[in-house]
Amino acid sequence: DQTVIVDIPYAELDSEGEYFLNISILRTDVQDWAGKGHVEAFQQLVLKEQTRELDIVKSVRNDLTSVQTDETLTFSNRGFSVTFDTRNAVMKSLVFAGLEMIHQNEGLRFNWFRTISHDQDRFILGKETIEVDSFSWYWEEEGKKAVVTAEMKAVIPSLYGVVAEIVPHVVKYTIYADGIVDVEAEFRTDDKFLLPRLGLVASITPGYDNVVWYGRGPGENYPDREASSYIGVFSDTADGMKEEYARS
């Protein structure tokens, strides 16, 4: 129940970038349940926020080529290729330097499941169907990039034998001659929307294990648990990011 004033010296904040002040309270003694240096509490204070949009990609090459068959659409250049399955509008292959990045043709596809066990009573996991309304593409900037657009809707059934949700969505891929692939997804919902989340999921070839991210970490966190994490640049392995929960 005491108060102390701590003078924290820091230079004037630069006009670029964002700044946070991380404060931690650590133990200086040893307890049966905690060692010296154990973090009793921490807080991250925002000193300066910055909202930045991604830089606009400008391709320096214009020799992207395309090959289309009855079932596939492929764009390629020296060192990389991107292939779509035109029947289901899924990117089935992404090759860089001769290495396949997508596992078993399971590229970016609709995903809604991020719930806890009792939420599954409302929806049937794994029984959703994806209907392709249209799949089209066109060139931009004289061969420097191609734009592929897939318009689809996801139909998710409930346990009661009726359709629980229908989610129209558009996924747009911009393929640059340099090998960059930009992906933009748009989901359309109404006021009665009940799904726990909307997103895209892909299966990556085994062996790519290292993960680096900018955001909240280093452990698992959700919007209602942000106090247990802070913003920074963190790294881990895919296996190391597993969270073990107690189950009865």
C-alpha atoms as a PDB file:
ATOM      1  CA  ASP A   1       0.000   0.000   0.000  1.00  0.00           C
ATOM      2  CA  GLN A   2       2.792   2.389  -0.852  1.00  0.00           C
ATOM      3  CA  THR A   3       3.335   4.733  -3.754  1.00  0.00           C
ATOM      4  CA  VAL A   4       6.570   5.345  -5.618  1.00  0.00           C
ATOM      5  CA  ILE A   5       7.387   7.603  -8.562  1.00  0.00           C
ATOM      6  CA  VAL A   6       9.734   6.140 -11.180  1.00  0.00           C
ATOM      7  CA  ASP A   7      11.390   8.481 -13.652  1.00  0.00           C
ATOM      8  CA  ILE A   8      11.798   6.627 -16.949  1.00  0.00           C
ATOM      9  CA  PRO A   9      14.219   8.400 -19.282  1.00  0.00           C
ATOM     10  CA  TYR A  10      13.655   8.100 -22.998  1.00  0.00           C
ATOM     11  CA  ALA A  11      14.422  10.178 -26.050  1.00  0.00           C
ATOM     12  CA  GLU A  12      11.862  12.202 -27.958  1.00  0.00           C
ATOM     13  CA  LEU A  13       9.627   9.937 -29.990  1.00  0.00           C
ATOM     14  CA  ASP A  14      10.315   9.807 -33.698  1.00  0.00           C
ATOM     15  CA  SER A  15       7.532  10.854 -36.043  1.00  0.00           C
ATOM     16  CA  GLU A  16       7.636   7.426 -37.703  1.00  0.00           C
ATOM     17  CA  GLY A  17       6.844   4.135 -36.055  1.00  0.00           C
ATOM     18  CA  GLU A  18       4.892   3.281 -32.925  1.00  0.00           C
ATOM     19  CA  TYR A  19       6.047   3.189 -29.317  1.00  0.00           C
ATOM     20  CA  PHE A  20       5.061   1.224 -26.237  1.00  0.00           C
ATOM     21  CA  LEU A  21       6.271   1.347 -22.655  1.00  0.00           C
ATOM     22  CA  ASN A  22       6.518  -2.114 -21.077  1.00  0.00           C
ATOM     23  CA  ILE A  23       6.487  -2.150 -17.271  1.00  0.00           C
ATOM     24  CA  SER A  24       7.135  -5.323 -15.255  1.00  0.00           C
ATOM     25  CA  ILE A  25       7.211  -6.014 -11.527  1.00  0.00           C
ATOM     26  CA  LEU A  26       9.601  -8.858 -10.652  1.00  0.00           C
ATOM     27  CA  ARG A  27      10.325 -10.666  -7.409  1.00  0.00           C
ATOM     28  CA  THR A  28      13.716 -10.097  -5.833  1.00  0.00           C
ATOM     29  CA  ASP A  29      13.396 -13.051  -3.457  1.00  0.00           C
ATOM     30  CA  VAL A  30      12.822 -16.794  -3.800  1.00  0.00           C
ATOM     31  CA  GLN A  31       9.532 -18.447  -2.859  1.00  0.00           C
ATOM     32  CA  ASP A  32       8.429 -22.081  -2.940  1.00  0.00           C
ATOM     33  CA  TRP A  33       6.166 -21.229  -5.839  1.00  0.00           C
ATOM     34  CA  ALA A  34       8.355 -18.702  -7.669  1.00  0.00           C
ATOM     35  CA  GLY A  35      12.024 -17.989  -8.177  1.00  0.00           C
ATOM     36  CA  LYS A  36      13.942 -14.737  -8.255  1.00  0.00           C
ATOM     37  CA  GLY A  37      12.915 -12.674 -11.257  1.00  0.00           C
ATOM     38  CA  HIS A  38       9.393 -14.118 -11.398  1.00  0.00           C
ATOM     39  CA  VAL A  39       7.061 -11.599 -13.075  1.00  0.00           C
ATOM     40  CA  GLU A  40       4.370 -10.609 -10.597  1.00  0.00           C
ATOM     41  CA  ALA A  41       2.612  -8.250 -12.997  1.00  0.00           C
ATOM     42  CA  PHE A  42       3.192  -6.347 -16.217  1.00  0.00           C
ATOM     43  CA  GLN A  43       1.506  -3.673 -18.247  1.00  0.00           C
ATOM     44  CA  GLN A  44       2.058  -2.274 -21.721  1.00  0.00           C
ATOM     45  CA  LEU A  45       1.276   1.418 -22.204  1.00  0.00           C
ATOM     46  CA  VAL A  46       0.790   2.864 -25.672  1.00  0.00           C
ATOM     47  CA  LEU A  47       2.925   5.983 -26.125  1.00  0.00           C
ATOM     48  CA  LYS A  48       2.358   6.473 -29.823  1.00  0.00           C
ATOM     49  CA  GLU A  49       0.153   4.539 -32.203  1.00  0.00           C
ATOM     50  CA  GLN A  50       0.596   4.399 -35.924  1.00  0.00           C
ATOM     51  CA  THR A  51      -1.757   3.009 -38.509  1.00  0.00           C
ATOM     52  CA  ARG A  52       0.019   1.939 -41.656  1.00  0.00           C
ATOM     53  CA  GLU A  53      -1.299   0.298 -44.758  1.00  0.00           C
ATOM     54  CA  LEU A  54       0.754  -2.236 -46.623  1.00  0.00           C
ATOM     55  CA  ASP A  55       3.081  -0.830 -49.235  1.00  0.00           C
ATOM     56  CA  ILE A  56       1.784  -1.023 -52.785  1.00  0.00           C
ATOM     57  CA  VAL A  57       3.672  -3.711 -54.677  1.00  0.00           C
ATOM     58  CA  LYS A  58       5.166  -2.558 -57.964  1.00  0.00           C
ATOM     59  CA  SER A  59       6.404  -5.392 -60.116  1.00  0.00           C
ATOM     60  CA  VAL A  60       9.609  -4.798 -62.063  1.00  0.00           C
ATOM     61  CA  ARG A  61       9.055  -7.739 -64.421  1.00  0.00           C
ATOM     62  CA  ASN A  62       6.409  -8.211 -67.091  1.00  0.00           C
ATOM     63  CA  ASP A  63       7.040 -11.758 -68.325  1.00  0.00           C
ATOM     64  CA  LEU A  64       4.378 -13.660 -66.348  1.00  0.00           C
ATOM     65  CA  THR A  65       2.833 -16.450 -68.450  1.00  0.00           C
ATOM     66  CA  SER A  66      -0.433 -18.381 -68.142  1.00  0.00           C
ATOM     67  CA  VAL A  67      -1.581 -21.848 -69.182  1.00  0.00           C
ATOM     68  CA  GLN A  68      -5.222 -22.909 -68.866  1.00  0.00           C
ATOM     69  CA  THR A  69      -6.755 -26.375 -69.246  1.00  0.00           C
ATOM     70  CA  ASP A  70     -10.220 -27.748 -68.568  1.00  0.00           C
ATOM     71  CA  GLU A  71      -9.401 -28.187 -64.855  1.00  0.00           C
ATOM     72  CA  THR A  72      -6.440 -25.930 -64.021  1.00  0.00           C
ATOM     73  CA  LEU A  73      -5.116 -22.401 -64.449  1.00  0.00           C
ATOM     74  CA  THR A  74      -1.363 -21.873 -63.993  1.00  0.00           C
ATOM     75  CA  PHE A  75       0.714 -18.713 -63.861  1.00  0.00           C
ATOM     76  CA  SER A  76       4.486 -19.028 -63.914  1.00  0.00           C
ATOM     77  CA  ASN A  77       7.785 -17.273 -64.282  1.00  0.00           C
ATOM     78  CA  ARG A  78      11.372 -18.255 -63.659  1.00  0.00           C
ATOM     79  CA  GLY A  79      11.540 -19.713 -60.156  1.00  0.00           C
ATOM     80  CA  PHE A  80       7.874 -19.899 -59.244  1.00  0.00           C
ATOM     81  CA  SER A  81       4.415 -21.057 -60.339  1.00  0.00           C
ATOM     82  CA  VAL A  82       0.848 -20.756 -59.054  1.00  0.00           C
ATOM     83  CA  THR A  83      -1.863 -23.250 -60.021  1.00  0.00           C
ATOM     84  CA  PHE A  84      -5.617 -23.054 -59.391  1.00  0.00           C
ATOM     85  CA  ASP A  85      -8.199 -25.808 -59.631  1.00  0.00           C
ATOM     86  CA  THR A  86     -10.854 -24.135 -61.758  1.00  0.00           C
ATOM     87  CA  ARG A  87     -13.537 -26.569 -60.549  1.00  0.00           C
ATOM     88  CA  ASN A  88     -13.432 -25.539 -56.874  1.00  0.00           C
ATOM     89  CA  ALA A  89     -11.553 -22.194 -57.234  1.00  0.00           C
ATOM     90  CA  VAL A  90      -8.809 -23.312 -54.801  1.00  0.00           C
ATOM     91  CA  MET A  91      -5.096 -22.572 -55.240  1.00  0.00           C
ATOM     92  CA  LYS A  92      -3.769 -26.122 -55.395  1.00  0.00           C
ATOM     93  CA  SER A  93      -0.052 -25.415 -55.888  1.00  0.00           C
ATOM     94  CA  LEU A  94       2.462 -22.694 -55.041  1.00  0.00           C
ATOM     95  CA  VAL A  95       6.052 -23.461 -56.036  1.00  0.00           C
ATOM     96  CA  PHE A  96       9.100 -21.359 -55.180  1.00  0.00           C
ATOM     97  CA  ALA A  97      12.636 -22.383 -56.198  1.00  0.00           C
ATOM     98  CA  GLY A  98      11.327 -25.828 -57.100  1.00  0.00           C
ATOM     99  CA  LEU A  99       9.744 -26.374 -53.655  1.00  0.00           C
ATOM    100  CA  GLU A 100       6.016 -26.983 -53.252  1.00  0.00           C
ATOM    101  CA  MET A 101       4.550 -24.837 -50.489  1.00  0.00           C
ATOM    102  CA  ILE A 102       0.991 -26.248 -50.406  1.00  0.00           C
ATOM    103  CA  HIS A 103       0.357 -29.671 -48.902  1.00  0.00           C
ATOM    104  CA  GLN A 104      -1.925 -32.129 -50.739  1.00  0.00           C
ATOM    105  CA  ASN A 105      -3.463 -29.425 -52.954  1.00  0.00           C
ATOM    106  CA  GLU A 106      -5.138 -27.800 -49.924  1.00  0.00           C
ATOM    107  CA  GLY A 107      -4.617 -24.116 -50.610  1.00  0.00           C
ATOM    108  CA  LEU A 108      -6.551 -21.214 -49.113  1.00  0.00           C
ATOM    109  CA  ARG A 109     -10.158 -22.186 -48.466  1.00  0.00           C
ATOM    110  CA  PHE A 110     -13.097 -21.083 -46.317  1.00  0.00           C
ATOM    111  CA  ASN A 111     -12.798 -21.726 -42.577  1.00  0.00           C
ATOM    112  CA  TRP A 112     -15.197 -20.883 -39.759  1.00  0.00           C
ATOM    113  CA  PHE A 113     -14.239 -23.255 -36.942  1.00  0.00           C
ATOM    114  CA  ARG A 114     -12.450 -21.698 -33.965  1.00  0.00           C
ATOM    115  CA  THR A 115     -14.684 -22.586 -31.040  1.00  0.00           C
ATOM    116  CA  ILE A 116     -14.724 -24.455 -27.768  1.00  0.00           C
ATOM    117  CA  SER A 117     -16.461 -27.788 -27.330  1.00  0.00           C
ATOM    118  CA  HIS A 118     -19.940 -26.682 -26.227  1.00  0.00           C
ATOM    119  CA  ASP A 119     -20.296 -24.367 -29.232  1.00  0.00           C
ATOM    120  CA  GLN A 120     -20.333 -27.335 -31.619  1.00  0.00           C
ATOM    121  CA  ASP A 121     -23.941 -28.134 -30.681  1.00  0.00           C
ATOM    122  CA  ARG A 122     -25.144 -25.427 -33.033  1.00  0.00           C
ATOM    123  CA  PHE A 123     -23.156 -26.265 -36.166  1.00  0.00           C
ATOM    124  CA  ILE A 124     -21.879 -29.452 -37.774  1.00  0.00           C
ATOM    125  CA  LEU A 125     -18.110 -29.321 -38.050  1.00  0.00           C
ATOM    126  CA  GLY A 126     -16.645 -30.440 -41.369  1.00  0.00           C
ATOM    127  CA  LYS A 127     -19.978 -30.749 -43.179  1.00  0.00           C
ATOM    128  CA  GLU A 128     -20.003 -27.348 -44.849  1.00  0.00           C
ATOM    129  CA  THR A 129     -20.164 -27.168 -48.631  1.00  0.00           C
ATOM    130  CA  ILE A 130     -18.641 -24.528 -50.894  1.00  0.00           C
ATOM    131  CA  GLU A 131     -20.504 -23.484 -54.018  1.00  0.00           C
ATOM    132  CA  VAL A 132     -18.563 -21.646 -56.723  1.00  0.00           C
ATOM    133  CA  ASP A 133     -20.615 -18.898 -58.345  1.00  0.00           C
ATOM    134  CA  SER A 134     -17.869 -17.644 -60.663  1.00  0.00           C
ATOM    135  CA  PHE A 135     -14.153 -18.000 -61.330  1.00  0.00           C
ATOM    136  CA  SER A 136     -12.437 -15.493 -63.601  1.00  0.00           C
ATOM    137  CA  TRP A 137      -9.134 -13.761 -64.254  1.00  0.00           C
ATOM    138  CA  TYR A 138      -7.566 -10.958 -66.275  1.00  0.00           C
ATOM    139  CA  TRP A 139      -4.215  -9.306 -66.955  1.00  0.00           C
ATOM    140  CA  GLU A 140      -3.096  -6.008 -65.467  1.00  0.00           C
ATOM    141  CA  GLU A 141      -0.162  -3.717 -66.312  1.00  0.00           C
ATOM    142  CA  GLU A 142       0.806  -5.516 -69.531  1.00  0.00           C
ATOM    143  CA  GLY A 143       1.740  -8.840 -68.049  1.00  0.00           C
ATOM    144  CA  LYS A 144       3.245  -7.564 -64.805  1.00  0.00           C
ATOM    145  CA  LYS A 145       0.425  -9.136 -62.809  1.00  0.00           C
ATOM    146  CA  ALA A 146      -2.708 -11.234 -63.144  1.00  0.00           C
ATOM    147  CA  VAL A 147      -5.861 -10.930 -61.040  1.00  0.00           C
ATOM    148  CA  VAL A 148      -7.856 -14.064 -60.229  1.00  0.00           C
ATOM    149  CA  THR A 149     -11.295 -13.673 -58.621  1.00  0.00           C
ATOM    150  CA  ALA A 150     -13.402 -16.458 -57.104  1.00  0.00           C
ATOM    151  CA  GLU A 151     -16.967 -15.724 -55.982  1.00  0.00           C
ATOM    152  CA  MET A 152     -18.331 -18.439 -53.696  1.00  0.00           C
ATOM    153  CA  LYS A 153     -20.739 -19.127 -50.889  1.00  0.00           C
ATOM    154  CA  ALA A 154     -20.275 -21.421 -47.913  1.00  0.00           C
ATOM    155  CA  VAL A 155     -23.282 -23.406 -46.676  1.00  0.00           C
ATOM    156  CA  ILE A 156     -22.976 -24.562 -43.058  1.00  0.00           C
ATOM    157  CA  PRO A 157     -25.613 -27.011 -41.730  1.00  0.00           C
ATOM    158  CA  SER A 158     -26.831 -27.277 -38.140  1.00  0.00           C
ATOM    159  CA  LEU A 159     -27.505 -30.357 -36.047  1.00  0.00           C
ATOM    160  CA  TYR A 160     -31.213 -29.768 -36.492  1.00  0.00           C
ATOM    161  CA  GLY A 161     -31.265 -30.666 -40.176  1.00  0.00           C
ATOM    162  CA  VAL A 162     -31.458 -27.135 -41.510  1.00  0.00           C
ATOM    163  CA  VAL A 163     -29.000 -24.662 -42.978  1.00  0.00           C
ATOM    164  CA  ALA A 164     -27.422 -22.659 -40.154  1.00  0.00           C
ATOM    165  CA  GLU A 165     -25.519 -20.112 -42.200  1.00  0.00           C
ATOM    166  CA  ILE A 166     -24.888 -19.136 -45.806  1.00  0.00           C
ATOM    167  CA  VAL A 167     -21.818 -16.954 -46.218  1.00  0.00           C
ATOM    168  CA  PRO A 168     -21.158 -15.421 -49.653  1.00  0.00           C
ATOM    169  CA  HIS A 169     -17.497 -14.510 -50.008  1.00  0.00           C
ATOM    170  CA  VAL A 170     -15.029 -13.330 -52.621  1.00  0.00           C
ATOM    171  CA  VAL A 171     -11.345 -14.262 -52.692  1.00  0.00           C
ATOM    172  CA  LYS A 172      -9.115 -12.210 -54.986  1.00  0.00           C
ATOM    173  CA  TYR A 173      -5.541 -13.241 -55.828  1.00  0.00           C
ATOM    174  CA  THR A 174      -3.088 -10.822 -57.415  1.00  0.00           C
ATOM    175  CA  ILE A 175      -0.114 -12.697 -58.894  1.00  0.00           C
ATOM    176  CA  TYR A 176       2.929 -10.592 -59.709  1.00  0.00           C
ATOM    177  CA  ALA A 177       5.636 -11.486 -62.209  1.00  0.00           C
ATOM    178  CA  ASP A 178       8.174 -11.228 -59.372  1.00  0.00           C
ATOM    179  CA  GLY A 179       6.566 -14.166 -57.526  1.00  0.00           C
ATOM    180  CA  ILE A 180       4.504 -12.208 -54.993  1.00  0.00           C
ATOM    181  CA  VAL A 181       0.936 -13.405 -54.431  1.00  0.00           C
ATOM    182  CA  ASP A 182      -1.457 -10.941 -52.767  1.00  0.00           C
ATOM    183  CA  VAL A 183      -4.682 -12.396 -51.313  1.00  0.00           C
ATOM    184  CA  GLU A 184      -7.770 -10.390 -50.369  1.00  0.00           C
ATOM    185  CA  ALA A 185     -10.907 -11.978 -48.896  1.00  0.00           C
ATOM    186  CA  GLU A 186     -14.318 -10.364 -48.397  1.00  0.00           C
ATOM    187  CA  PHE A 187     -17.108 -12.044 -46.411  1.00  0.00           C
ATOM    188  CA  ARG A 188     -20.719 -10.881 -46.510  1.00  0.00           C
ATOM    189  CA  THR A 189     -22.955 -11.402 -43.475  1.00  0.00           C
ATOM    190  CA  ASP A 190     -26.229 -10.120 -42.045  1.00  0.00           C
ATOM    191  CA  ASP A 191     -27.493  -9.133 -38.594  1.00  0.00           C
ATOM    192  CA  LYS A 192     -28.316 -12.766 -37.711  1.00  0.00           C
ATOM    193  CA  PHE A 193     -24.774 -13.993 -38.306  1.00  0.00           C
ATOM    194  CA  LEU A 194     -23.739 -16.544 -35.646  1.00  0.00           C
ATOM    195  CA  LEU A 195     -20.513 -18.218 -36.761  1.00  0.00           C
ATOM    196  CA  PRO A 196     -17.602 -17.797 -34.315  1.00  0.00           C
ATOM    197  CA  ARG A 197     -15.156 -16.593 -36.935  1.00  0.00           C
ATOM    198  CA  LEU A 198     -14.528 -16.127 -40.658  1.00  0.00           C
ATOM    199  CA  GLY A 199     -11.243 -16.667 -42.425  1.00  0.00           C
ATOM    200  CA  LEU A 200      -9.154 -18.718 -44.806  1.00  0.00           C
ATOM    201  CA  VAL A 201      -7.009 -21.729 -43.974  1.00  0.00           C
ATOM    202  CA  ALA A 202      -4.325 -23.553 -45.959  1.00  0.00           C
ATOM    203  CA  SER A 203      -2.178 -26.635 -45.449  1.00  0.00           C
ATOM    204  CA  ILE A 204       1.559 -25.929 -45.708  1.00  0.00           C
ATOM    205  CA  THR A 205       4.092 -28.546 -46.753  1.00  0.00           C
ATOM    206  CA  PRO A 206       5.631 -30.249 -43.672  1.00  0.00           C
ATOM    207  CA  GLY A 207       9.064 -28.921 -42.774  1.00  0.00           C
ATOM    208  CA  TYR A 208       8.237 -25.223 -42.654  1.00  0.00           C
ATOM    209  CA  ASP A 209       8.251 -24.968 -38.872  1.00  0.00           C
ATOM    210  CA  ASN A 210       9.541 -21.519 -37.885  1.00  0.00           C
ATOM    211  CA  VAL A 211       6.992 -18.779 -37.175  1.00  0.00           C
ATOM    212  CA  VAL A 212       7.676 -15.050 -36.734  1.00  0.00           C
ATOM    213  CA  TRP A 213       4.834 -12.630 -36.121  1.00  0.00           C
ATOM    214  CA  TYR A 214       4.155  -9.030 -35.144  1.00  0.00           C
ATOM    215  CA  GLY A 215       1.228  -8.772 -32.775  1.00  0.00           C
ATOM    216  CA  ARG A 216       0.195  -9.994 -29.364  1.00  0.00           C
ATOM    217  CA  GLY A 217       2.212 -12.746 -27.722  1.00  0.00           C
ATOM    218  CA  PRO A 218       4.145 -14.693 -26.872  1.00  0.00           C
ATOM    219  CA  GLY A 219       1.391 -17.024 -25.638  1.00  0.00           C
ATOM    220  CA  GLU A 220      -2.141 -17.636 -26.812  1.00  0.00           C
ATOM    221  CA  ASN A 221      -4.521 -14.708 -26.434  1.00  0.00           C
ATOM    222  CA  TYR A 222      -8.015 -13.652 -27.420  1.00  0.00           C
ATOM    223  CA  PRO A 223      -9.835 -10.278 -27.473  1.00  0.00           C
ATOM    224  CA  ASP A 224     -11.169 -10.945 -23.964  1.00  0.00           C
ATOM    225  CA  ARG A 225      -7.706 -11.873 -22.639  1.00  0.00           C
ATOM    226  CA  GLU A 226      -5.443  -9.180 -24.034  1.00  0.00           C
ATOM    227  CA  ALA A 227      -4.192  -8.319 -20.543  1.00  0.00           C
ATOM    228  CA  SER A 228      -2.214 -11.575 -20.591  1.00  0.00           C
ATOM    229  CA  SER A 229      -0.193 -10.582 -23.656  1.00  0.00           C
ATOM    230  CA  TYR A 230       1.496  -7.581 -25.193  1.00  0.00           C
ATOM    231  CA  ILE A 231       2.372  -6.308 -28.652  1.00  0.00           C
ATOM    232  CA  GLY A 232       5.805  -7.126 -30.035  1.00  0.00           C
ATOM    233  CA  VAL A 233       7.749  -9.249 -32.511  1.00  0.00           C
ATOM    234  CA  PHE A 234       7.794 -12.894 -31.435  1.00  0.00           C
ATOM    235  CA  SER A 235       9.133 -16.144 -32.837  1.00  0.00           C
ATOM    236  CA  ASP A 236       8.300 -19.787 -32.194  1.00  0.00           C
ATOM    237  CA  THR A 237       7.894 -23.106 -33.962  1.00  0.00           C
ATOM    238  CA  ALA A 238       4.601 -24.497 -35.202  1.00  0.00           C
ATOM    239  CA  ASP A 239       4.840 -27.302 -32.657  1.00  0.00           C
ATOM    240  CA  GLY A 240       5.777 -24.858 -29.906  1.00  0.00           C
ATOM    241  CA  MET A 241       2.600 -22.835 -30.500  1.00  0.00           C
ATOM    242  CA  LYS A 242       0.355 -25.682 -29.364  1.00  0.00           C
ATOM    243  CA  GLU A 243      -1.693 -24.898 -26.276  1.00  0.00           C
ATOM    244  CA  GLU A 244      -2.356 -27.764 -23.855  1.00  0.00           C
ATOM    245  CA  TYR A 245      -5.733 -27.577 -22.148  1.00  0.00           C
ATOM    246  CA  ALA A 246      -7.022 -29.628 -19.232  1.00  0.00           C
ATOM    247  CA  ARG A 247      -9.835 -31.917 -20.341  1.00  0.00           C
ATOM    248  CA  SER A 248     -12.196 -33.980 -18.256  1.00  0.00           C
END
